[in-house]
Structures are given as structure tokens and as C-alpha cells.
N, C-alpha and C. Protein backbone atom coordinates (compact mmCIF):
# COMPACT_ATOMS: atom_id res chain seq x y z
N UNK A 1 13.89 -18.28 -21.39
CA UNK A 1 14.20 -16.99 -20.82
C UNK A 1 14.94 -17.18 -19.51
N UNK A 2 16.03 -16.46 -19.32
CA UNK A 2 16.75 -16.46 -18.06
C UNK A 2 16.29 -15.29 -17.22
N UNK A 3 16.99 -15.06 -16.13
CA UNK A 3 16.62 -13.94 -15.28
C UNK A 3 15.54 -14.31 -14.30
N UNK A 4 14.82 -13.31 -13.85
CA UNK A 4 13.83 -13.54 -12.81
C UNK A 4 12.85 -12.39 -12.76
N UNK A 5 11.89 -12.57 -11.90
CA UNK A 5 10.93 -11.52 -11.60
C UNK A 5 11.28 -10.99 -10.21
N UNK A 6 11.38 -9.69 -10.09
CA UNK A 6 11.71 -9.06 -8.82
C UNK A 6 10.52 -8.24 -8.35
N UNK A 7 10.17 -8.40 -7.10
CA UNK A 7 9.15 -7.56 -6.47
C UNK A 7 9.91 -6.62 -5.55
N UNK A 8 9.62 -5.34 -5.65
CA UNK A 8 10.40 -4.37 -4.89
C UNK A 8 9.53 -3.26 -4.34
N UNK A 9 10.06 -2.64 -3.30
CA UNK A 9 9.53 -1.37 -2.82
C UNK A 9 10.59 -0.33 -3.14
N UNK A 10 10.14 0.77 -3.70
CA UNK A 10 11.07 1.82 -4.07
C UNK A 10 10.36 2.83 -4.95
N UNK A 11 11.10 3.40 -5.89
CA UNK A 11 10.49 4.40 -6.78
C UNK A 11 10.90 4.14 -8.22
N UNK A 12 10.07 4.68 -9.12
CA UNK A 12 10.36 4.57 -10.54
C UNK A 12 10.90 5.90 -11.04
N UNK A 13 11.78 5.81 -12.03
CA UNK A 13 12.45 6.99 -12.58
C UNK A 13 12.72 6.73 -14.06
N UNK A 14 12.71 7.78 -14.85
CA UNK A 14 13.04 7.60 -16.26
C UNK A 14 14.51 7.22 -16.39
N UNK A 15 14.79 6.38 -17.36
CA UNK A 15 16.18 6.00 -17.63
C UNK A 15 17.00 7.25 -17.97
N UNK A 16 16.38 8.22 -18.64
CA UNK A 16 17.09 9.45 -19.01
C UNK A 16 17.57 10.21 -17.77
N UNK A 17 16.70 10.37 -16.78
CA UNK A 17 17.09 11.06 -15.54
C UNK A 17 18.13 10.24 -14.78
N UNK A 18 17.90 8.93 -14.71
CA UNK A 18 18.85 8.05 -14.02
C UNK A 18 20.23 8.13 -14.65
N UNK A 19 20.29 8.07 -15.98
CA UNK A 19 21.58 8.11 -16.66
C UNK A 19 22.31 9.42 -16.39
N UNK A 20 21.60 10.51 -16.31
CA UNK A 20 22.23 11.80 -15.98
C UNK A 20 22.81 11.76 -14.56
N UNK A 21 22.04 11.19 -13.62
CA UNK A 21 22.51 11.04 -12.24
C UNK A 21 23.77 10.17 -12.19
N UNK A 22 23.75 9.05 -12.90
CA UNK A 22 24.90 8.15 -12.90
C UNK A 22 26.15 8.83 -13.44
N UNK A 23 26.01 9.51 -14.57
CA UNK A 23 27.16 10.20 -15.16
C UNK A 23 27.71 11.28 -14.23
N UNK A 24 26.82 12.01 -13.59
CA UNK A 24 27.26 13.08 -12.67
C UNK A 24 28.01 12.52 -11.47
N UNK A 25 27.80 11.22 -11.19
CA UNK A 25 28.44 10.58 -10.04
C UNK A 25 29.51 9.57 -10.44
N UNK A 26 30.04 9.70 -11.66
CA UNK A 26 31.18 8.90 -12.07
C UNK A 26 30.89 7.52 -12.61
N UNK A 27 29.63 7.21 -12.86
CA UNK A 27 29.28 5.91 -13.45
C UNK A 27 28.88 6.12 -14.91
N UNK A 28 28.93 5.06 -15.68
CA UNK A 28 28.49 5.12 -17.07
C UNK A 28 26.97 5.08 -17.15
N UNK A 29 26.43 5.59 -18.25
CA UNK A 29 24.99 5.51 -18.52
C UNK A 29 24.57 4.03 -18.65
N UNK A 30 23.30 3.77 -18.45
CA UNK A 30 22.79 2.40 -18.61
C UNK A 30 22.41 2.09 -20.04
N UNK A 31 22.01 3.10 -20.81
CA UNK A 31 21.47 2.89 -22.15
C UNK A 31 20.32 1.88 -22.11
N UNK A 32 19.54 1.91 -21.04
CA UNK A 32 18.39 1.02 -20.81
C UNK A 32 18.76 -0.43 -20.57
N UNK A 33 20.04 -0.72 -20.37
CA UNK A 33 20.46 -2.08 -20.07
C UNK A 33 20.49 -2.28 -18.55
N UNK A 34 19.88 -3.35 -18.07
CA UNK A 34 19.91 -3.59 -16.62
C UNK A 34 21.28 -4.05 -16.16
N UNK A 35 21.65 -3.68 -14.94
CA UNK A 35 22.89 -4.23 -14.40
C UNK A 35 22.72 -5.72 -14.14
N UNK A 36 23.79 -6.47 -14.25
CA UNK A 36 23.72 -7.90 -13.99
C UNK A 36 23.46 -8.15 -12.52
N UNK A 37 22.54 -9.04 -12.22
CA UNK A 37 22.21 -9.37 -10.83
C UNK A 37 23.45 -9.86 -10.08
N UNK A 38 24.34 -10.55 -10.78
CA UNK A 38 25.53 -11.09 -10.13
C UNK A 38 26.48 -10.00 -9.64
N UNK A 39 26.34 -8.78 -10.15
CA UNK A 39 27.21 -7.68 -9.71
C UNK A 39 26.71 -7.03 -8.42
N UNK A 40 25.48 -7.31 -8.03
CA UNK A 40 24.92 -6.69 -6.83
C UNK A 40 25.40 -7.46 -5.60
N UNK A 41 25.85 -6.84 -4.55
CA UNK A 41 25.87 -5.41 -4.23
C UNK A 41 27.22 -4.74 -4.51
N UNK A 42 28.09 -5.40 -5.28
CA UNK A 42 29.44 -4.88 -5.45
C UNK A 42 29.67 -4.11 -6.74
N UNK A 43 28.66 -4.03 -7.61
CA UNK A 43 28.80 -3.26 -8.84
C UNK A 43 28.84 -1.77 -8.55
N UNK A 44 29.32 -1.01 -9.52
CA UNK A 44 29.49 0.43 -9.34
C UNK A 44 28.18 1.14 -9.01
N UNK A 45 27.10 0.76 -9.67
CA UNK A 45 25.82 1.43 -9.42
C UNK A 45 25.30 1.09 -8.03
N UNK A 46 25.34 -0.17 -7.65
CA UNK A 46 24.89 -0.56 -6.30
C UNK A 46 25.72 0.14 -5.24
N UNK A 47 27.03 0.23 -5.46
CA UNK A 47 27.89 0.91 -4.50
C UNK A 47 27.56 2.39 -4.41
N UNK A 48 27.27 3.01 -5.55
CA UNK A 48 26.89 4.43 -5.55
C UNK A 48 25.61 4.64 -4.75
N UNK A 49 24.59 3.82 -4.99
CA UNK A 49 23.33 3.96 -4.25
C UNK A 49 23.57 3.81 -2.76
N UNK A 50 24.36 2.81 -2.39
CA UNK A 50 24.64 2.59 -0.97
C UNK A 50 25.40 3.76 -0.36
N UNK A 51 26.39 4.30 -1.06
CA UNK A 51 27.14 5.45 -0.53
C UNK A 51 26.22 6.63 -0.27
N UNK A 52 25.28 6.86 -1.16
CA UNK A 52 24.34 7.97 -0.99
C UNK A 52 23.48 7.74 0.24
N UNK A 53 23.01 6.51 0.45
CA UNK A 53 22.19 6.18 1.62
C UNK A 53 23.03 6.25 2.89
N UNK A 54 24.23 5.68 2.85
CA UNK A 54 25.09 5.61 4.03
C UNK A 54 25.48 6.99 4.55
N UNK A 55 25.44 8.00 3.70
CA UNK A 55 25.73 9.36 4.16
C UNK A 55 24.70 9.82 5.20
N UNK A 56 23.49 9.28 5.12
CA UNK A 56 22.42 9.60 6.07
C UNK A 56 22.19 8.48 7.08
N UNK A 57 22.59 7.27 6.71
CA UNK A 57 22.26 6.09 7.50
C UNK A 57 23.46 5.13 7.48
N UNK A 58 24.48 5.36 8.33
CA UNK A 58 25.69 4.53 8.30
C UNK A 58 25.45 3.05 8.59
N UNK A 59 24.32 2.72 9.21
CA UNK A 59 24.02 1.32 9.54
C UNK A 59 23.18 0.63 8.47
N UNK A 60 22.99 1.27 7.33
CA UNK A 60 22.15 0.70 6.26
C UNK A 60 22.75 -0.60 5.73
N UNK A 61 21.88 -1.48 5.24
CA UNK A 61 22.28 -2.76 4.65
C UNK A 61 22.50 -2.56 3.15
N UNK A 62 23.73 -2.72 2.68
CA UNK A 62 24.05 -2.45 1.28
C UNK A 62 23.31 -3.36 0.29
N UNK A 63 22.81 -4.49 0.76
CA UNK A 63 22.10 -5.41 -0.12
C UNK A 63 20.71 -4.93 -0.52
N UNK A 64 20.17 -3.97 0.20
CA UNK A 64 18.78 -3.55 -0.03
C UNK A 64 18.62 -2.57 -1.18
N UNK A 65 19.65 -1.83 -1.56
CA UNK A 65 19.52 -0.73 -2.51
C UNK A 65 20.02 -1.19 -3.87
N UNK A 66 19.09 -1.20 -4.83
CA UNK A 66 19.41 -1.84 -6.10
C UNK A 66 18.70 -1.13 -7.25
N UNK A 67 19.33 -1.11 -8.40
CA UNK A 67 18.74 -0.61 -9.63
C UNK A 67 18.20 -1.78 -10.43
N UNK A 68 16.97 -1.66 -10.90
CA UNK A 68 16.40 -2.67 -11.79
C UNK A 68 15.81 -1.97 -13.00
N UNK A 69 16.03 -2.56 -14.17
CA UNK A 69 15.45 -2.06 -15.41
C UNK A 69 14.77 -3.25 -16.07
N UNK A 70 13.46 -3.15 -16.34
CA UNK A 70 12.76 -4.29 -16.93
C UNK A 70 13.25 -4.59 -18.35
N UNK A 71 13.40 -5.88 -18.64
CA UNK A 71 13.77 -6.34 -19.98
C UNK A 71 13.07 -7.65 -20.27
N UNK A 72 12.77 -7.84 -21.53
CA UNK A 72 12.22 -9.11 -21.97
C UNK A 72 12.45 -9.20 -23.47
N UNK A 73 12.73 -10.39 -23.96
CA UNK A 73 12.96 -10.57 -25.38
C UNK A 73 11.78 -10.01 -26.17
N UNK A 74 12.08 -9.34 -27.27
CA UNK A 74 11.10 -8.73 -28.17
C UNK A 74 10.43 -7.49 -27.57
N UNK A 75 10.94 -6.98 -26.47
CA UNK A 75 10.41 -5.77 -25.86
C UNK A 75 11.35 -4.61 -26.21
N UNK A 76 10.78 -3.45 -26.51
CA UNK A 76 11.62 -2.27 -26.74
C UNK A 76 12.40 -1.94 -25.47
N UNK A 77 13.48 -1.20 -25.63
CA UNK A 77 14.24 -0.75 -24.46
C UNK A 77 13.32 0.00 -23.51
N UNK A 78 13.45 -0.27 -22.25
CA UNK A 78 12.60 0.37 -21.25
C UNK A 78 13.01 1.82 -21.06
N UNK A 79 12.03 2.68 -20.89
CA UNK A 79 12.27 4.08 -20.52
C UNK A 79 12.19 4.24 -19.01
N UNK A 80 11.83 3.16 -18.31
CA UNK A 80 11.61 3.21 -16.86
C UNK A 80 12.64 2.35 -16.13
N UNK A 81 13.14 2.88 -15.04
CA UNK A 81 14.04 2.15 -14.14
C UNK A 81 13.44 2.23 -12.74
N UNK A 82 13.87 1.33 -11.88
CA UNK A 82 13.38 1.28 -10.50
C UNK A 82 14.57 1.25 -9.55
N UNK A 83 14.46 2.01 -8.48
CA UNK A 83 15.46 2.00 -7.42
C UNK A 83 14.77 1.44 -6.19
N UNK A 84 15.32 0.36 -5.64
CA UNK A 84 14.66 -0.31 -4.52
C UNK A 84 15.30 0.03 -3.18
N UNK A 85 14.49 -0.07 -2.14
CA UNK A 85 15.03 -0.06 -0.78
C UNK A 85 14.81 -1.40 -0.11
N UNK A 86 14.04 -2.27 -0.74
CA UNK A 86 13.91 -3.66 -0.33
C UNK A 86 13.36 -4.42 -1.55
N UNK A 87 13.79 -5.65 -1.73
CA UNK A 87 13.37 -6.42 -2.90
C UNK A 87 13.47 -7.91 -2.60
N UNK A 88 12.74 -8.68 -3.39
CA UNK A 88 12.80 -10.14 -3.31
C UNK A 88 12.60 -10.69 -4.72
N UNK A 89 13.20 -11.82 -4.99
CA UNK A 89 13.16 -12.43 -6.32
C UNK A 89 12.21 -13.61 -6.34
N UNK A 90 11.50 -13.76 -7.46
CA UNK A 90 10.65 -14.92 -7.70
C UNK A 90 11.20 -15.60 -8.96
N UNK A 91 11.80 -16.78 -8.81
CA UNK A 91 12.34 -17.51 -9.97
C UNK A 91 11.23 -18.25 -10.72
N UNK A 92 10.41 -19.00 -10.02
CA UNK A 92 9.30 -19.71 -10.65
C UNK A 92 8.02 -19.46 -9.86
N UNK A 93 8.11 -19.65 -8.54
CA UNK A 93 6.97 -19.36 -7.66
C UNK A 93 7.48 -19.29 -6.24
N UNK A 94 6.69 -18.69 -5.38
CA UNK A 94 7.05 -18.61 -3.97
C UNK A 94 5.88 -18.04 -3.20
N UNK A 95 5.86 -18.33 -1.91
CA UNK A 95 4.90 -17.67 -1.04
C UNK A 95 5.46 -16.30 -0.70
N UNK A 96 4.65 -15.31 -0.83
CA UNK A 96 5.09 -13.94 -0.54
C UNK A 96 4.44 -13.48 0.75
N UNK A 97 5.27 -13.18 1.72
CA UNK A 97 4.82 -12.62 3.00
C UNK A 97 5.20 -11.15 2.96
N UNK A 98 4.28 -10.33 2.46
CA UNK A 98 4.59 -8.94 2.14
C UNK A 98 5.20 -8.20 3.31
N UNK A 99 4.62 -8.33 4.50
CA UNK A 99 5.13 -7.58 5.65
C UNK A 99 6.53 -8.03 6.06
N UNK A 100 6.86 -9.30 5.85
CA UNK A 100 8.19 -9.81 6.19
C UNK A 100 9.19 -9.62 5.05
N UNK A 101 8.77 -9.99 3.84
CA UNK A 101 9.67 -9.95 2.69
C UNK A 101 9.91 -8.53 2.18
N UNK A 102 8.89 -7.69 2.30
CA UNK A 102 8.95 -6.34 1.74
C UNK A 102 8.41 -5.31 2.72
N UNK A 103 9.09 -5.11 3.84
CA UNK A 103 8.58 -4.15 4.83
C UNK A 103 8.43 -2.76 4.22
N UNK A 104 7.36 -2.08 4.60
CA UNK A 104 7.02 -0.79 4.00
C UNK A 104 7.85 0.37 4.53
N UNK A 105 8.49 0.22 5.69
CA UNK A 105 9.23 1.33 6.28
C UNK A 105 10.38 1.76 5.37
N UNK A 106 10.37 3.03 5.01
CA UNK A 106 11.41 3.59 4.13
C UNK A 106 12.64 3.91 4.98
N UNK A 107 13.80 3.38 4.62
CA UNK A 107 15.00 3.63 5.43
C UNK A 107 15.46 5.09 5.35
N UNK A 108 16.09 5.50 6.40
CA UNK A 108 16.65 6.85 6.47
C UNK A 108 17.63 7.04 5.31
N UNK A 109 17.52 8.18 4.63
CA UNK A 109 18.39 8.50 3.51
C UNK A 109 17.80 8.16 2.15
N UNK A 110 16.79 7.29 2.10
CA UNK A 110 16.24 6.89 0.81
C UNK A 110 15.48 8.03 0.15
N UNK A 111 14.73 8.78 0.92
CA UNK A 111 14.00 9.91 0.36
C UNK A 111 14.98 10.95 -0.20
N UNK A 112 16.08 11.17 0.49
CA UNK A 112 17.09 12.11 0.00
C UNK A 112 17.70 11.62 -1.32
N UNK A 113 17.93 10.31 -1.42
CA UNK A 113 18.43 9.72 -2.66
C UNK A 113 17.41 9.93 -3.78
N UNK A 114 16.14 9.67 -3.49
CA UNK A 114 15.08 9.84 -4.49
C UNK A 114 15.06 11.28 -4.99
N UNK A 115 15.09 12.23 -4.07
CA UNK A 115 15.05 13.65 -4.45
C UNK A 115 16.27 14.03 -5.30
N UNK A 116 17.44 13.52 -4.93
CA UNK A 116 18.64 13.83 -5.72
C UNK A 116 18.52 13.30 -7.14
N UNK A 117 18.10 12.05 -7.28
CA UNK A 117 17.96 11.46 -8.62
C UNK A 117 16.90 12.20 -9.41
N UNK A 118 15.78 12.52 -8.78
CA UNK A 118 14.69 13.21 -9.48
C UNK A 118 15.13 14.59 -9.95
N UNK A 119 16.07 15.21 -9.26
CA UNK A 119 16.58 16.50 -9.68
C UNK A 119 17.22 16.47 -11.06
N UNK A 120 17.69 15.31 -11.48
CA UNK A 120 18.30 15.16 -12.79
C UNK A 120 17.26 15.01 -13.90
N UNK A 121 15.99 14.94 -13.54
CA UNK A 121 14.93 14.80 -14.53
C UNK A 121 14.36 16.10 -15.03
N UNK A 122 14.76 17.20 -14.44
CA UNK A 122 14.15 18.48 -14.82
C UNK A 122 14.45 18.89 -16.26
N UNK A 123 15.56 18.44 -16.82
CA UNK A 123 15.93 18.79 -18.19
C UNK A 123 15.69 17.66 -19.19
N UNK A 124 14.99 16.62 -18.77
CA UNK A 124 14.71 15.48 -19.64
C UNK A 124 13.64 15.89 -20.66
N UNK A 125 13.83 15.51 -21.91
CA UNK A 125 12.86 15.85 -22.96
C UNK A 125 11.54 15.13 -22.71
N UNK A 126 10.48 15.67 -23.28
CA UNK A 126 9.14 15.12 -23.08
C UNK A 126 9.05 13.65 -23.51
N UNK A 127 9.71 13.29 -24.60
CA UNK A 127 9.61 11.91 -25.08
C UNK A 127 10.42 10.93 -24.23
N UNK A 128 11.28 11.44 -23.35
CA UNK A 128 12.05 10.58 -22.45
C UNK A 128 11.39 10.45 -21.08
N UNK A 129 10.41 11.30 -20.79
CA UNK A 129 9.75 11.27 -19.48
C UNK A 129 8.83 10.07 -19.37
N UNK A 130 8.53 9.69 -18.13
CA UNK A 130 7.59 8.60 -17.87
C UNK A 130 6.47 9.13 -16.98
N UNK A 131 5.35 8.43 -16.98
CA UNK A 131 4.26 8.84 -16.10
C UNK A 131 4.61 8.47 -14.66
N UNK A 132 4.16 9.26 -13.74
CA UNK A 132 4.39 9.03 -12.31
C UNK A 132 5.87 8.97 -11.94
N UNK A 133 6.67 9.78 -12.61
CA UNK A 133 8.11 9.83 -12.32
C UNK A 133 8.33 10.10 -10.84
N UNK A 134 9.15 9.27 -10.21
CA UNK A 134 9.48 9.44 -8.80
C UNK A 134 8.50 8.81 -7.84
N UNK A 135 7.44 8.21 -8.36
CA UNK A 135 6.41 7.64 -7.49
C UNK A 135 6.95 6.46 -6.69
N UNK A 136 6.74 6.51 -5.38
CA UNK A 136 7.09 5.39 -4.50
C UNK A 136 5.98 4.36 -4.58
N UNK A 137 6.34 3.08 -4.51
CA UNK A 137 5.33 2.05 -4.55
C UNK A 137 5.90 0.66 -4.43
N UNK A 138 5.02 -0.30 -4.62
CA UNK A 138 5.35 -1.72 -4.66
C UNK A 138 5.28 -2.13 -6.12
N UNK A 139 6.39 -2.59 -6.69
CA UNK A 139 6.48 -2.86 -8.13
C UNK A 139 6.96 -4.28 -8.40
N UNK A 140 6.57 -4.79 -9.56
CA UNK A 140 7.02 -6.09 -10.05
C UNK A 140 7.80 -5.83 -11.34
N UNK A 141 9.03 -6.31 -11.41
CA UNK A 141 9.89 -6.06 -12.57
C UNK A 141 10.38 -7.39 -13.13
N UNK A 142 10.13 -7.61 -14.43
CA UNK A 142 10.61 -8.79 -15.13
C UNK A 142 11.94 -8.43 -15.78
N UNK A 143 12.93 -9.29 -15.60
CA UNK A 143 14.25 -9.00 -16.12
C UNK A 143 14.85 -10.26 -16.71
N UNK A 144 15.08 -10.24 -18.00
CA UNK A 144 15.76 -11.35 -18.68
C UNK A 144 17.22 -10.96 -18.85
N UNK A 145 18.04 -11.25 -17.85
CA UNK A 145 19.43 -10.78 -17.88
C UNK A 145 20.30 -11.53 -18.88
N UNK A 146 19.77 -12.57 -19.52
CA UNK A 146 20.55 -13.26 -20.55
C UNK A 146 20.60 -12.46 -21.85
N UNK A 147 19.71 -11.49 -22.02
CA UNK A 147 19.68 -10.72 -23.26
C UNK A 147 20.93 -9.89 -23.46
N UNK A 148 21.58 -9.50 -22.37
CA UNK A 148 22.72 -8.60 -22.46
C UNK A 148 24.02 -9.27 -22.03
N UNK A 149 24.10 -10.58 -22.19
CA UNK A 149 25.26 -11.31 -21.67
C UNK A 149 26.57 -10.89 -22.32
N UNK A 150 26.53 -10.41 -23.54
CA UNK A 150 27.77 -10.00 -24.19
C UNK A 150 27.84 -8.51 -24.45
N UNK A 151 27.02 -7.75 -23.77
CA UNK A 151 26.90 -6.33 -24.09
C UNK A 151 27.84 -5.46 -23.28
N UNK A 152 27.80 -4.21 -23.57
CA UNK A 152 28.58 -3.17 -22.90
C UNK A 152 28.37 -3.21 -21.40
N UNK A 153 29.44 -3.16 -20.66
CA UNK A 153 29.36 -3.17 -19.19
C UNK A 153 29.34 -1.74 -18.70
N UNK A 154 28.15 -1.23 -18.37
CA UNK A 154 28.02 0.17 -17.95
C UNK A 154 28.39 0.37 -16.50
N UNK A 155 28.73 -0.68 -15.78
CA UNK A 155 29.01 -0.57 -14.36
C UNK A 155 30.34 0.12 -14.06
N UNK A 156 31.17 0.31 -15.05
CA UNK A 156 32.49 0.90 -14.81
C UNK A 156 32.44 2.36 -14.43
N UNK A 157 33.58 2.89 -14.12
CA UNK A 157 33.70 4.32 -13.76
C UNK A 157 34.29 5.08 -14.92
């Protein structure tokens, strides 16, 4: 398995709501496919997230805001996506200093981004919804980015 495990602070959102938000802002839907880590922070989705934050916080660090969608071989497509305001990767193992690696302070503009994205969930069908939609927290996401190496590139405009 390729890819990595990411620990992040941020919120969870249904892929259905996220895809509606992305389309409304000129990006392609994800179709539950995670963006390639190598495209961050210069991919279309990462740039969109940063632009939304920078409207409230011009000094924000573009590397902090990222979309993650869990994937693993033999797993159904995820209905859940995560938007981070801080994240760290674990390839095999590492010491985690939570207060240093994942500070809890939510950056200016992130709550506004969360509210905007969540607004696209109001028309999502019941079978596309997830529990605790929009919940802020500390999450662990497994991502095998080798599964989609030849797939559709949703990062375009």
C-alpha cells in the first residue's frame, strides 16, 4: 500500500456536499477520489480553500488548508471528506507532539469556510449524508493514493 496516514484538525463533510461546493466554485467533483498529495498546495482544490481563507486572513499559510478523502484497497468509496486547518503525515511511525504538530487554535476565516461548505449540504439526499456533518475535531485519515494513479484528475477547472 502506498500513501500515508494523516492526522488533522478540521471538519468532516459529506462528499456530496463538498462536490456541490467545488462545482459552484469552478472545480470538478471529486467522485470520492482523494486529490494527489503531490498537488498540494498548488492543486485547484487547495488553491480554492486557501482563497476562501485568505479573504478573511491574508496572512494565512496556504500549506495548512487541505482536502483529504480516506481510501484503502477493498474499501467502498468514502462518503466522508475532511477539510484541514492543520495536518501532519505519519508514513510508518513518529512521535506526535499534539500541541506543536497540531495546534488547536482555529485560524481566522476557517469557520466561515466551514459554514459556506456546509451550506451546500442542505439539499443532499439522506443516503448521501454522514453522521456529525460539519463536526470540528482531531481526525486520522488513511489514504492509499496509489489506487487512483491513472484515474480522472478532478483538480481541473
